[in-house]
N, C-alpha and C. Protein backbone atom coordinates (compact mmCIF):
# COMPACT_ATOMS: atom_id res chain seq x y z
N MET A 1 88.32 87.69 107.18
CA MET A 1 89.41 87.45 106.28
C MET A 1 89.54 88.61 105.30
N LEU A 2 90.76 88.94 104.99
CA LEU A 2 91.01 89.94 103.97
C LEU A 2 90.91 89.29 102.60
N GLY A 3 90.58 90.08 101.61
CA GLY A 3 90.48 89.53 100.26
C GLY A 3 90.94 90.59 99.25
N TYR A 4 91.09 90.13 98.05
CA TYR A 4 91.55 91.05 96.99
C TYR A 4 91.31 90.34 95.67
N THR A 5 91.59 91.09 94.60
CA THR A 5 91.48 90.46 93.24
C THR A 5 92.72 89.68 92.96
N ILE A 6 92.61 88.80 91.96
CA ILE A 6 93.71 87.90 91.61
C ILE A 6 95.00 88.66 91.26
N SER A 7 94.89 89.82 90.67
CA SER A 7 96.07 90.53 90.18
C SER A 7 96.98 91.07 91.27
N GLU A 8 96.50 91.12 92.51
CA GLU A 8 97.26 91.67 93.58
C GLU A 8 98.06 90.58 94.37
N LYS A 9 99.24 90.89 94.81
CA LYS A 9 100.00 90.13 95.78
C LYS A 9 100.49 88.71 95.39
N LEU A 10 100.21 88.26 94.19
CA LEU A 10 100.60 86.91 93.86
C LEU A 10 101.66 86.93 92.76
N PRO A 11 102.55 85.93 92.75
CA PRO A 11 103.53 85.83 91.65
C PRO A 11 102.80 85.76 90.29
N THR A 12 103.45 86.30 89.28
CA THR A 12 102.84 86.41 87.98
C THR A 12 102.29 85.08 87.42
N LYS A 13 103.06 84.02 87.51
CA LYS A 13 102.60 82.73 86.96
C LYS A 13 101.35 82.23 87.63
N ILE A 14 101.24 82.41 88.95
CA ILE A 14 100.04 82.02 89.66
C ILE A 14 98.86 82.90 89.26
N SER A 15 99.07 84.20 89.19
CA SER A 15 98.02 85.14 88.75
C SER A 15 97.48 84.77 87.39
N GLU A 16 98.36 84.48 86.46
CA GLU A 16 97.94 84.13 85.10
C GLU A 16 97.13 82.84 85.06
N TYR A 17 97.55 81.81 85.82
CA TYR A 17 96.83 80.56 85.92
C TYR A 17 95.42 80.82 86.42
N MET A 18 95.32 81.58 87.49
CA MET A 18 94.03 81.81 88.11
C MET A 18 93.09 82.69 87.25
N LYS A 19 93.64 83.66 86.60
CA LYS A 19 92.83 84.52 85.71
C LYS A 19 92.25 83.69 84.55
N GLN A 20 93.04 82.77 84.00
CA GLN A 20 92.58 81.95 82.90
C GLN A 20 91.44 81.06 83.36
N ARG A 21 91.47 80.55 84.54
CA ARG A 21 90.49 79.57 85.04
C ARG A 21 89.35 80.18 85.83
N PHE A 22 89.57 81.31 86.49
CA PHE A 22 88.57 81.86 87.34
C PHE A 22 88.15 83.31 87.03
N GLY A 23 88.80 83.94 86.06
CA GLY A 23 88.50 85.37 85.79
C GLY A 23 88.92 86.19 87.00
N GLU A 24 88.15 87.22 87.31
CA GLU A 24 88.46 88.06 88.43
C GLU A 24 87.63 87.63 89.68
N ALA A 25 87.77 86.37 90.04
CA ALA A 25 87.10 85.87 91.24
C ALA A 25 87.70 86.45 92.51
N PHE A 26 86.91 86.41 93.56
CA PHE A 26 87.35 86.90 94.86
C PHE A 26 88.31 85.93 95.48
N VAL A 27 89.47 86.43 95.91
CA VAL A 27 90.52 85.57 96.50
C VAL A 27 90.66 85.96 97.97
N PHE A 28 90.62 84.94 98.84
CA PHE A 28 90.87 85.24 100.25
C PHE A 28 92.36 85.30 100.47
N GLU A 29 92.76 85.94 101.55
CA GLU A 29 94.19 86.16 101.82
C GLU A 29 94.96 84.87 101.73
N PRO A 30 96.00 84.83 100.87
CA PRO A 30 96.81 83.58 100.70
C PRO A 30 97.70 83.38 101.94
N LYS A 31 98.01 82.12 102.16
CA LYS A 31 98.93 81.76 103.21
C LYS A 31 100.20 81.27 102.58
N THR A 32 101.34 81.75 103.04
CA THR A 32 102.58 81.33 102.52
C THR A 32 103.30 80.46 103.60
N ASP A 33 103.69 79.29 103.20
CA ASP A 33 104.34 78.31 104.10
C ASP A 33 105.83 78.27 103.71
N GLU A 34 106.70 78.63 104.63
CA GLU A 34 108.11 78.74 104.27
C GLU A 34 109.03 77.88 105.18
N GLU A 35 108.57 76.71 105.60
CA GLU A 35 109.40 75.85 106.42
C GLU A 35 110.70 75.54 105.71
N GLU A 36 110.63 74.87 104.60
CA GLU A 36 111.83 74.60 103.78
C GLU A 36 111.65 75.20 102.41
N ASP A 37 110.49 74.96 101.83
CA ASP A 37 110.17 75.45 100.52
C ASP A 37 109.06 76.49 100.65
N VAL A 38 108.86 77.34 99.70
CA VAL A 38 107.80 78.33 99.69
C VAL A 38 106.60 77.76 98.97
N PHE A 39 105.43 77.79 99.62
CA PHE A 39 104.19 77.37 98.98
C PHE A 39 103.16 78.48 99.18
N TYR A 40 102.26 78.61 98.22
CA TYR A 40 101.15 79.54 98.31
C TYR A 40 99.87 78.72 98.43
N LYS A 41 99.16 78.93 99.53
CA LYS A 41 97.87 78.28 99.74
C LYS A 41 96.78 79.31 99.53
N ILE A 42 95.93 79.08 98.56
CA ILE A 42 94.98 80.10 98.13
C ILE A 42 93.56 79.53 98.17
N LYS A 43 92.64 80.33 98.67
CA LYS A 43 91.23 79.98 98.73
C LYS A 43 90.45 80.97 97.86
N ILE A 44 89.68 80.45 96.91
CA ILE A 44 88.94 81.28 95.97
C ILE A 44 87.45 80.93 96.09
N GLN A 45 86.60 81.95 96.18
CA GLN A 45 85.15 81.67 96.12
C GLN A 45 84.64 82.06 94.76
N GLN A 46 83.95 81.14 94.17
CA GLN A 46 83.32 81.36 92.87
C GLN A 46 81.93 80.75 92.94
N GLY A 47 80.90 81.63 93.06
CA GLY A 47 79.55 81.13 93.25
C GLY A 47 79.43 80.42 94.58
N ASP A 48 78.88 79.19 94.56
CA ASP A 48 78.70 78.43 95.78
C ASP A 48 79.87 77.50 96.07
N LEU A 49 80.96 77.66 95.41
CA LEU A 49 82.11 76.79 95.59
C LEU A 49 83.34 77.51 96.12
N PHE A 50 84.09 76.84 96.97
CA PHE A 50 85.41 77.29 97.38
C PHE A 50 86.44 76.41 96.73
N TYR A 51 87.43 76.97 96.15
CA TYR A 51 88.58 76.27 95.58
C TYR A 51 89.76 76.48 96.51
N HIS A 52 90.37 75.41 96.94
CA HIS A 52 91.57 75.45 97.81
C HIS A 52 92.73 74.97 96.95
N LEU A 53 93.64 75.89 96.64
CA LEU A 53 94.72 75.62 95.75
C LEU A 53 96.08 75.78 96.46
N LYS A 54 97.02 74.97 96.07
CA LYS A 54 98.39 75.09 96.63
C LYS A 54 99.37 75.11 95.48
N PHE A 55 100.19 76.13 95.44
CA PHE A 55 101.22 76.30 94.38
C PHE A 55 102.58 76.31 95.02
N ASP A 56 103.58 75.90 94.28
CA ASP A 56 104.94 76.05 94.74
C ASP A 56 105.41 77.43 94.35
N GLU A 57 106.64 77.79 94.73
CA GLU A 57 107.16 79.12 94.49
C GLU A 57 107.36 79.43 92.99
N ASN A 58 107.38 78.40 92.18
CA ASN A 58 107.50 78.58 90.70
C ASN A 58 106.16 78.72 90.02
N GLY A 59 105.07 78.61 90.78
CA GLY A 59 103.76 78.76 90.21
C GLY A 59 103.13 77.45 89.70
N CYS A 60 103.72 76.33 90.04
CA CYS A 60 103.15 75.05 89.61
C CYS A 60 102.08 74.60 90.62
N LEU A 61 100.92 74.23 90.11
CA LEU A 61 99.83 73.78 90.94
C LEU A 61 100.15 72.41 91.53
N LEU A 62 100.11 72.29 92.82
CA LEU A 62 100.42 71.06 93.53
C LEU A 62 99.20 70.35 94.05
N GLU A 63 98.20 71.11 94.50
CA GLU A 63 96.95 70.54 95.04
C GLU A 63 95.75 71.41 94.64
N ARG A 64 94.61 70.70 94.45
CA ARG A 64 93.38 71.46 94.17
C ARG A 64 92.25 70.66 94.81
N ASP A 65 91.46 71.35 95.67
CA ASP A 65 90.35 70.72 96.34
C ASP A 65 89.15 71.69 96.20
N ILE A 66 87.97 71.14 96.07
CA ILE A 66 86.77 71.97 95.95
C ILE A 66 85.78 71.61 97.07
N SER A 67 85.15 72.62 97.65
CA SER A 67 84.14 72.38 98.68
C SER A 67 82.98 73.35 98.42
N CYS A 68 81.85 73.03 99.02
CA CYS A 68 80.64 73.90 98.93
C CYS A 68 80.66 74.94 100.02
N VAL A 69 80.02 76.07 99.74
CA VAL A 69 79.93 77.14 100.72
C VAL A 69 79.11 76.70 101.90
């Protein structure tokens, strides 16, 4: 998987949300779902945890799930 820092490739509102909560955590390549609406599905690793986040195109958090490495 490709990865990058939070400041790259994401809409500003999503980047700001993630920086406030995760700092400069490693982000795996986001997936964009564009069937009808645009969604950003993001996976972040922070320590031994993976955060699975889903945002709408306006940067509103829709889903958040946490799993262990």
